[in-house]
Amino acid sequence: MLKKMKKLVRDKNVCVLATVTDNVPHCSLMSYVADRDCREIYMMTQKGTKKYRNLAANRTVSLLIDSREEDCGADRARIKALTVSGVFSAIGDEARKRRVRQKLLKRHPQLKPFADDPDTEVFAVKVKSFQLLDGVKDAYFAKVK
């Protein structure tokens, strides 16, 4: 089942990022790219945003990746929803940050003006676990080691 979970991460490229500060949740639609083993998921945001302040204050995050685009209409019972639990991680190494940025732009070329802004920060979410809801009743959980 872990392979199926990772396949959903690789096949998709947009997620909902949930952050929390002072017990107040905040959700953001994000473009992303994952590393080969789906142990890290990379995104970028501007440093002045609420989400970035939340990430700095509370590193625990949740992502939602789903299949609603292809499993919509009359067959909604087949939608897959993957909850990714993880931890925000800044990328301090400039060379690594450039490589991740290039990987993000290869998958999301429309983000180039955003990525070129000096206030934009590239970051990682280190994956701790996956929980897949496959249809309306089948759920699976996997820790990532």
N, C-alpha and C. Protein backbone atom coordinates (compact mmCIF):
# COMPACT_ATOMS: atom_id res chain seq x y z
N MET A 1 0.81 -1.20 0.00
CA MET A 1 0.00 0.00 0.00
C MET A 1 0.86 1.27 0.00
N LEU A 2 2.05 1.19 0.60
CA LEU A 2 2.94 2.34 0.61
C LEU A 2 3.30 2.76 -0.81
N LYS A 3 3.47 1.79 -1.71
CA LYS A 3 3.77 2.12 -3.10
C LYS A 3 2.63 2.92 -3.73
N LYS A 4 1.40 2.55 -3.43
CA LYS A 4 0.23 3.26 -3.95
C LYS A 4 0.19 4.70 -3.40
N MET A 5 0.55 4.86 -2.14
CA MET A 5 0.57 6.19 -1.52
C MET A 5 1.63 7.07 -2.19
N LYS A 6 2.81 6.52 -2.37
CA LYS A 6 3.89 7.29 -3.00
C LYS A 6 3.57 7.60 -4.46
N LYS A 7 2.90 6.69 -5.14
CA LYS A 7 2.51 6.94 -6.53
C LYS A 7 1.58 8.15 -6.61
N LEU A 8 0.66 8.28 -5.68
CA LEU A 8 -0.23 9.44 -5.67
C LEU A 8 0.57 10.73 -5.46
N VAL A 9 1.55 10.69 -4.57
CA VAL A 9 2.42 11.86 -4.35
C VAL A 9 3.15 12.23 -5.64
N ARG A 10 3.69 11.23 -6.33
CA ARG A 10 4.45 11.49 -7.56
C ARG A 10 3.56 11.94 -8.72
N ASP A 11 2.36 11.37 -8.81
CA ASP A 11 1.46 11.67 -9.93
C ASP A 11 0.86 13.07 -9.84
N LYS A 12 0.67 13.56 -8.64
CA LYS A 12 0.05 14.88 -8.44
C LYS A 12 1.14 15.94 -8.29
N ASN A 13 0.73 17.20 -8.34
CA ASN A 13 1.71 18.27 -8.16
C ASN A 13 1.16 19.47 -7.40
N VAL A 14 -0.07 19.32 -6.87
CA VAL A 14 -0.69 20.38 -6.07
C VAL A 14 -1.24 19.72 -4.81
N CYS A 15 -1.08 20.41 -3.68
CA CYS A 15 -1.59 19.90 -2.41
C CYS A 15 -2.16 21.06 -1.60
N VAL A 16 -2.81 20.71 -0.51
CA VAL A 16 -3.21 21.69 0.48
C VAL A 16 -2.26 21.53 1.66
N LEU A 17 -1.61 22.62 2.03
CA LEU A 17 -0.70 22.65 3.17
C LEU A 17 -1.46 23.23 4.36
N ALA A 18 -1.52 22.48 5.45
CA ALA A 18 -2.17 22.97 6.68
C ALA A 18 -1.09 23.26 7.71
N THR A 19 -1.13 24.49 8.23
CA THR A 19 -0.23 24.93 9.30
C THR A 19 -1.10 25.37 10.47
N VAL A 20 -0.47 25.48 11.64
CA VAL A 20 -1.20 25.90 12.84
C VAL A 20 -0.30 26.78 13.69
N THR A 21 -0.87 27.86 14.19
CA THR A 21 -0.22 28.67 15.21
C THR A 21 -1.28 29.12 16.20
N ASP A 22 -0.96 29.02 17.49
CA ASP A 22 -1.88 29.40 18.56
C ASP A 22 -3.23 28.69 18.42
N ASN A 23 -3.18 27.41 18.04
CA ASN A 23 -4.37 26.58 17.86
C ASN A 23 -5.31 27.07 16.76
N VAL A 24 -4.81 27.88 15.85
CA VAL A 24 -5.61 28.37 14.73
C VAL A 24 -5.05 27.77 13.44
N PRO A 25 -5.81 26.91 12.76
CA PRO A 25 -5.31 26.31 11.52
C PRO A 25 -5.38 27.29 10.35
N HIS A 26 -4.52 27.05 9.37
CA HIS A 26 -4.47 27.86 8.15
C HIS A 26 -4.14 26.92 7.00
N CYS A 27 -4.92 26.96 5.92
CA CYS A 27 -4.70 26.09 4.76
C CYS A 27 -4.27 26.91 3.56
N SER A 28 -3.35 26.35 2.78
CA SER A 28 -2.84 27.02 1.59
C SER A 28 -2.72 26.02 0.45
N LEU A 29 -3.19 26.42 -0.73
CA LEU A 29 -3.01 25.60 -1.92
C LEU A 29 -1.58 25.80 -2.42
N MET A 30 -0.85 24.69 -2.61
CA MET A 30 0.58 24.78 -2.92
C MET A 30 0.96 23.87 -4.08
N SER A 31 1.87 24.35 -4.91
CA SER A 31 2.52 23.51 -5.91
C SER A 31 3.69 22.83 -5.20
N TYR A 32 3.97 21.59 -5.59
CA TYR A 32 5.06 20.88 -4.92
C TYR A 32 5.75 19.93 -5.88
N VAL A 33 6.88 19.42 -5.41
CA VAL A 33 7.58 18.32 -6.06
C VAL A 33 8.20 17.49 -4.93
N ALA A 34 8.26 16.19 -5.10
CA ALA A 34 8.80 15.30 -4.07
C ALA A 34 10.15 14.76 -4.49
N ASP A 35 10.93 14.31 -3.51
CA ASP A 35 12.17 13.62 -3.84
C ASP A 35 11.81 12.21 -4.33
N ARG A 36 12.79 11.47 -4.76
CA ARG A 36 12.57 10.16 -5.38
C ARG A 36 11.84 9.18 -4.46
N ASP A 37 12.15 9.20 -3.17
CA ASP A 37 11.56 8.24 -2.23
C ASP A 37 10.33 8.79 -1.50
N CYS A 38 9.91 10.00 -1.85
CA CYS A 38 8.77 10.65 -1.19
C CYS A 38 8.99 10.80 0.31
N ARG A 39 10.22 11.01 0.69
CA ARG A 39 10.54 11.29 2.10
C ARG A 39 10.54 12.79 2.37
N GLU A 40 10.74 13.57 1.32
CA GLU A 40 10.67 15.02 1.42
C GLU A 40 9.82 15.56 0.28
N ILE A 41 9.04 16.58 0.60
CA ILE A 41 8.20 17.26 -0.37
C ILE A 41 8.60 18.72 -0.33
N TYR A 42 8.90 19.28 -1.51
CA TYR A 42 9.44 20.64 -1.60
C TYR A 42 8.40 21.62 -2.13
N MET A 43 8.43 22.81 -1.55
CA MET A 43 7.53 23.89 -1.93
C MET A 43 8.27 25.22 -1.78
N MET A 44 7.59 26.29 -2.15
CA MET A 44 8.15 27.61 -1.90
C MET A 44 7.05 28.59 -1.54
N THR A 45 7.43 29.57 -0.74
CA THR A 45 6.50 30.61 -0.32
C THR A 45 7.28 31.87 -0.03
N GLN A 46 6.58 32.96 0.07
CA GLN A 46 7.24 34.20 0.43
C GLN A 46 7.37 34.29 1.94
N LYS A 47 8.46 34.88 2.38
CA LYS A 47 8.78 34.94 3.81
C LYS A 47 7.79 35.78 4.60
N GLY A 48 7.10 36.70 3.96
CA GLY A 48 6.18 37.58 4.68
C GLY A 48 4.77 37.04 4.83
N THR A 49 4.52 35.80 4.42
CA THR A 49 3.16 35.27 4.46
C THR A 49 2.81 34.68 5.82
N LYS A 50 1.53 34.55 6.05
CA LYS A 50 1.03 33.91 7.27
C LYS A 50 1.53 32.47 7.35
N LYS A 51 1.51 31.77 6.21
CA LYS A 51 1.95 30.36 6.25
C LYS A 51 3.41 30.26 6.67
N TYR A 52 4.26 31.18 6.20
CA TYR A 52 5.67 31.11 6.58
C TYR A 52 5.85 31.42 8.06
N ARG A 53 5.10 32.39 8.57
CA ARG A 53 5.17 32.70 10.00
C ARG A 53 4.69 31.48 10.81
N ASN A 54 3.63 30.83 10.32
CA ASN A 54 3.15 29.62 11.00
C ASN A 54 4.20 28.52 10.98
N LEU A 55 4.84 28.32 9.84
CA LEU A 55 5.88 27.29 9.72
C LEU A 55 7.03 27.55 10.68
N ALA A 56 7.40 28.81 10.82
CA ALA A 56 8.50 29.17 11.72
C ALA A 56 8.11 28.96 13.19
N ALA A 57 6.84 29.19 13.51
CA ALA A 57 6.37 29.07 14.88
C ALA A 57 6.03 27.64 15.28
N ASN A 58 5.55 26.84 14.33
CA ASN A 58 5.14 25.46 14.60
C ASN A 58 5.48 24.63 13.37
N ARG A 59 6.51 23.83 13.47
CA ARG A 59 7.03 23.11 12.30
C ARG A 59 6.16 21.92 11.88
N THR A 60 5.22 21.49 12.71
CA THR A 60 4.36 20.36 12.38
C THR A 60 3.34 20.79 11.33
N VAL A 61 3.25 20.00 10.25
CA VAL A 61 2.33 20.33 9.15
C VAL A 61 1.59 19.08 8.69
N SER A 62 0.55 19.35 7.92
CA SER A 62 -0.20 18.28 7.26
C SER A 62 -0.44 18.71 5.83
N LEU A 63 -0.36 17.75 4.91
CA LEU A 63 -0.65 18.01 3.50
C LEU A 63 -1.81 17.12 3.09
N LEU A 64 -2.62 17.60 2.16
CA LEU A 64 -3.67 16.78 1.56
C LEU A 64 -3.42 16.74 0.07
N ILE A 65 -3.27 15.53 -0.45
CA ILE A 65 -3.10 15.29 -1.88
C ILE A 65 -4.24 14.36 -2.28
N ASP A 66 -4.97 14.70 -3.35
CA ASP A 66 -6.14 13.89 -3.68
C ASP A 66 -6.31 13.70 -5.18
N SER A 67 -7.26 12.81 -5.51
CA SER A 67 -7.50 12.46 -6.91
C SER A 67 -8.83 13.00 -7.41
N ARG A 68 -9.34 14.05 -6.82
CA ARG A 68 -10.70 14.51 -7.18
C ARG A 68 -10.80 14.96 -8.63
N GLU A 69 -9.71 15.38 -9.24
CA GLU A 69 -9.77 15.83 -10.64
C GLU A 69 -10.17 14.70 -11.58
N GLU A 70 -9.59 13.52 -11.40
CA GLU A 70 -9.91 12.43 -12.32
C GLU A 70 -11.05 11.54 -11.80
N ASP A 71 -11.33 11.59 -10.50
CA ASP A 71 -12.38 10.74 -9.94
C ASP A 71 -13.61 11.55 -9.55
N CYS A 72 -13.99 12.47 -10.41
CA CYS A 72 -15.16 13.30 -10.09
C CYS A 72 -16.39 12.81 -10.85
N GLY A 73 -17.44 13.54 -10.75
CA GLY A 73 -18.66 13.16 -11.46
C GLY A 73 -19.41 12.06 -10.74
N ALA A 74 -19.96 11.14 -11.50
CA ALA A 74 -20.82 10.11 -10.94
C ALA A 74 -20.06 9.11 -10.07
N ASP A 75 -18.72 9.03 -10.23
CA ASP A 75 -17.95 8.02 -9.51
C ASP A 75 -17.12 8.63 -8.38
N ARG A 76 -17.68 9.59 -7.66
CA ARG A 76 -16.96 10.24 -6.56
C ARG A 76 -16.54 9.27 -5.46
N ALA A 77 -17.18 8.13 -5.37
CA ALA A 77 -16.85 7.14 -4.34
C ALA A 77 -15.45 6.59 -4.52
N ARG A 78 -14.83 6.83 -5.66
CA ARG A 78 -13.47 6.31 -5.93
C ARG A 78 -12.36 7.30 -5.57
N ILE A 79 -12.71 8.50 -5.12
CA ILE A 79 -11.68 9.51 -4.82
C ILE A 79 -10.71 8.99 -3.77
N LYS A 80 -9.44 9.25 -4.01
CA LYS A 80 -8.38 8.93 -3.06
C LYS A 80 -7.93 10.24 -2.40
N ALA A 81 -7.79 10.22 -1.10
CA ALA A 81 -7.31 11.38 -0.35
C ALA A 81 -6.17 10.93 0.54
N LEU A 82 -4.99 11.51 0.32
CA LEU A 82 -3.80 11.15 1.07
C LEU A 82 -3.44 12.28 2.02
N THR A 83 -3.42 11.98 3.31
CA THR A 83 -2.95 12.93 4.31
C THR A 83 -1.49 12.61 4.59
N VAL A 84 -0.65 13.61 4.44
CA VAL A 84 0.78 13.47 4.70
C VAL A 84 1.08 14.26 5.97
N SER A 85 1.58 13.58 6.99
CA SER A 85 2.00 14.27 8.21
C SER A 85 3.50 14.45 8.14
N GLY A 86 3.94 15.67 8.48
CA GLY A 86 5.36 15.93 8.38
C GLY A 86 5.81 17.12 9.19
N VAL A 87 7.07 17.48 8.96
CA VAL A 87 7.71 18.55 9.70
C VAL A 87 8.39 19.50 8.71
N PHE A 88 8.12 20.79 8.88
CA PHE A 88 8.77 21.83 8.07
C PHE A 88 10.27 21.80 8.32
N SER A 89 11.03 21.96 7.24
CA SER A 89 12.49 22.01 7.33
C SER A 89 13.01 23.07 6.37
N ALA A 90 13.66 24.07 6.92
CA ALA A 90 14.31 25.07 6.08
C ALA A 90 15.47 24.42 5.34
N ILE A 91 15.79 24.92 4.17
CA ILE A 91 16.94 24.42 3.41
C ILE A 91 18.01 25.48 3.48
N GLY A 92 19.02 25.23 4.30
CA GLY A 92 20.06 26.22 4.53
C GLY A 92 21.15 26.24 3.48
N ASP A 93 21.46 25.09 2.94
CA ASP A 93 22.53 24.97 1.95
C ASP A 93 22.09 25.60 0.63
N GLU A 94 22.79 26.61 0.19
CA GLU A 94 22.39 27.37 -1.01
C GLU A 94 22.43 26.51 -2.27
N ALA A 95 23.42 25.64 -2.41
CA ALA A 95 23.50 24.78 -3.60
C ALA A 95 22.31 23.82 -3.64
N ARG A 96 21.97 23.24 -2.51
CA ARG A 96 20.80 22.35 -2.45
C ARG A 96 19.53 23.14 -2.73
N LYS A 97 19.43 24.33 -2.19
CA LYS A 97 18.25 25.17 -2.43
C LYS A 97 18.08 25.46 -3.92
N ARG A 98 19.19 25.73 -4.61
CA ARG A 98 19.13 25.97 -6.07
C ARG A 98 18.67 24.73 -6.81
N ARG A 99 19.17 23.56 -6.42
CA ARG A 99 18.74 22.30 -7.07
C ARG A 99 17.25 22.05 -6.87
N VAL A 100 16.77 22.26 -5.65
CA VAL A 100 15.35 22.06 -5.37
C VAL A 100 14.52 23.07 -6.15
N ARG A 101 14.97 24.31 -6.19
CA ARG A 101 14.26 25.36 -6.95
C ARG A 101 14.16 24.96 -8.43
N GLN A 102 15.26 24.46 -9.00
CA GLN A 102 15.25 24.02 -10.41
C GLN A 102 14.27 22.86 -10.62
N LYS A 103 14.23 21.95 -9.67
CA LYS A 103 13.30 20.82 -9.75
C LYS A 103 11.86 21.31 -9.69
N LEU A 104 11.59 22.26 -8.81
CA LEU A 104 10.25 22.85 -8.72
C LEU A 104 9.86 23.54 -10.02
N LEU A 105 10.80 24.30 -10.59
CA LEU A 105 10.49 25.04 -11.82
C LEU A 105 10.37 24.12 -13.03
N LYS A 106 11.06 23.00 -13.02
CA LYS A 106 10.89 22.04 -14.11
C LYS A 106 9.47 21.50 -14.12
N ARG A 107 8.92 21.24 -12.94
CA ARG A 107 7.55 20.70 -12.81
C ARG A 107 6.50 21.80 -12.90
N HIS A 108 6.89 23.02 -12.50
CA HIS A 108 5.94 24.15 -12.43
C HIS A 108 6.56 25.40 -13.06
N PRO A 109 6.78 25.40 -14.38
CA PRO A 109 7.45 26.55 -15.01
C PRO A 109 6.69 27.86 -14.84
N GLN A 110 5.40 27.81 -14.60
CA GLN A 110 4.61 29.01 -14.41
C GLN A 110 5.00 29.77 -13.14
N LEU A 111 5.75 29.14 -12.26
CA LEU A 111 6.15 29.77 -11.00
C LEU A 111 7.45 30.56 -11.09
N LYS A 112 8.04 30.66 -12.28
CA LYS A 112 9.34 31.34 -12.41
C LYS A 112 9.33 32.77 -11.86
N PRO A 113 8.36 33.62 -12.21
CA PRO A 113 8.38 34.98 -11.63
C PRO A 113 8.30 34.97 -10.10
N PHE A 114 7.52 34.06 -9.56
CA PHE A 114 7.40 33.91 -8.11
C PHE A 114 8.74 33.44 -7.52
N ALA A 115 9.36 32.46 -8.15
CA ALA A 115 10.62 31.90 -7.66
C ALA A 115 11.76 32.92 -7.74
N ASP A 116 11.70 33.82 -8.72
CA ASP A 116 12.75 34.83 -8.89
C ASP A 116 12.68 35.96 -7.88
N ASP A 117 11.56 36.08 -7.18
CA ASP A 117 11.41 37.13 -6.17
C ASP A 117 12.36 36.84 -5.00
N PRO A 118 13.17 37.80 -4.57
CA PRO A 118 14.12 37.55 -3.48
C PRO A 118 13.46 37.22 -2.15
N ASP A 119 12.17 37.51 -2.00
CA ASP A 119 11.44 37.21 -0.77
C ASP A 119 10.92 35.77 -0.75
N THR A 120 11.07 35.04 -1.87
CA THR A 120 10.56 33.67 -1.94
C THR A 120 11.57 32.70 -1.33
N GLU A 121 11.05 31.83 -0.49
CA GLU A 121 11.88 30.85 0.20
C GLU A 121 11.47 29.44 -0.21
N VAL A 122 12.44 28.61 -0.56
CA VAL A 122 12.23 27.20 -0.87
C VAL A 122 12.38 26.43 0.44
N PHE A 123 11.47 25.46 0.68
CA PHE A 123 11.55 24.68 1.91
C PHE A 123 11.13 23.24 1.66
N ALA A 124 11.37 22.41 2.66
CA ALA A 124 11.02 20.99 2.59
C ALA A 124 10.05 20.64 3.70
N VAL A 125 9.23 19.64 3.42
CA VAL A 125 8.45 18.97 4.45
C VAL A 125 9.00 17.56 4.54
N LYS A 126 9.54 17.23 5.71
CA LYS A 126 10.05 15.87 5.94
C LYS A 126 8.86 15.00 6.34
N VAL A 127 8.59 13.99 5.53
CA VAL A 127 7.40 13.15 5.71
C VAL A 127 7.61 12.19 6.88
N LYS A 128 6.61 12.16 7.77
CA LYS A 128 6.62 11.24 8.91
C LYS A 128 5.65 10.07 8.69
N SER A 129 4.50 10.35 8.04
CA SER A 129 3.54 9.27 7.79
C SER A 129 2.58 9.65 6.67
N PHE A 130 1.93 8.61 6.14
CA PHE A 130 0.88 8.75 5.14
C PHE A 130 -0.38 8.08 5.66
N GLN A 131 -1.52 8.68 5.38
CA GLN A 131 -2.80 8.01 5.62
C GLN A 131 -3.63 8.18 4.36
N LEU A 132 -3.98 7.06 3.74
CA LEU A 132 -4.73 7.07 2.49
C LEU A 132 -6.16 6.64 2.74
N LEU A 133 -7.08 7.47 2.29
CA LEU A 133 -8.48 7.09 2.23
C LEU A 133 -8.73 6.75 0.77
N ASP A 134 -8.97 5.47 0.50
CA ASP A 134 -9.15 4.97 -0.86
C ASP A 134 -10.64 4.68 -1.05
N GLY A 135 -11.37 5.64 -1.63
CA GLY A 135 -12.81 5.54 -1.70
C GLY A 135 -13.40 6.07 -0.40
N VAL A 136 -14.61 5.67 -0.11
CA VAL A 136 -15.29 6.23 1.06
C VAL A 136 -15.08 5.46 2.35
N LYS A 137 -14.51 4.25 2.29
CA LYS A 137 -14.40 3.49 3.53
C LYS A 137 -13.07 2.79 3.76
N ASP A 138 -12.22 2.67 2.77
CA ASP A 138 -10.97 1.93 2.94
C ASP A 138 -9.85 2.90 3.30
N ALA A 139 -9.28 2.73 4.50
CA ALA A 139 -8.22 3.60 4.98
C ALA A 139 -6.97 2.79 5.31
N TYR A 140 -5.81 3.38 5.00
CA TYR A 140 -4.53 2.71 5.22
C TYR A 140 -3.56 3.73 5.80
N PHE A 141 -2.71 3.26 6.72
CA PHE A 141 -1.74 4.13 7.38
C PHE A 141 -0.35 3.53 7.22
N ALA A 142 0.64 4.40 6.99
CA ALA A 142 2.03 3.93 6.90
C ALA A 142 2.96 4.98 7.47
N LYS A 143 3.82 4.56 8.40
CA LYS A 143 4.88 5.44 8.89
C LYS A 143 6.00 5.43 7.87
N VAL A 144 6.68 6.56 7.75
CA VAL A 144 7.84 6.66 6.85
C VAL A 144 9.07 6.67 7.73
N LYS A 145 9.98 5.75 7.44
CA LYS A 145 11.18 5.61 8.27
C LYS A 145 12.33 6.37 7.70
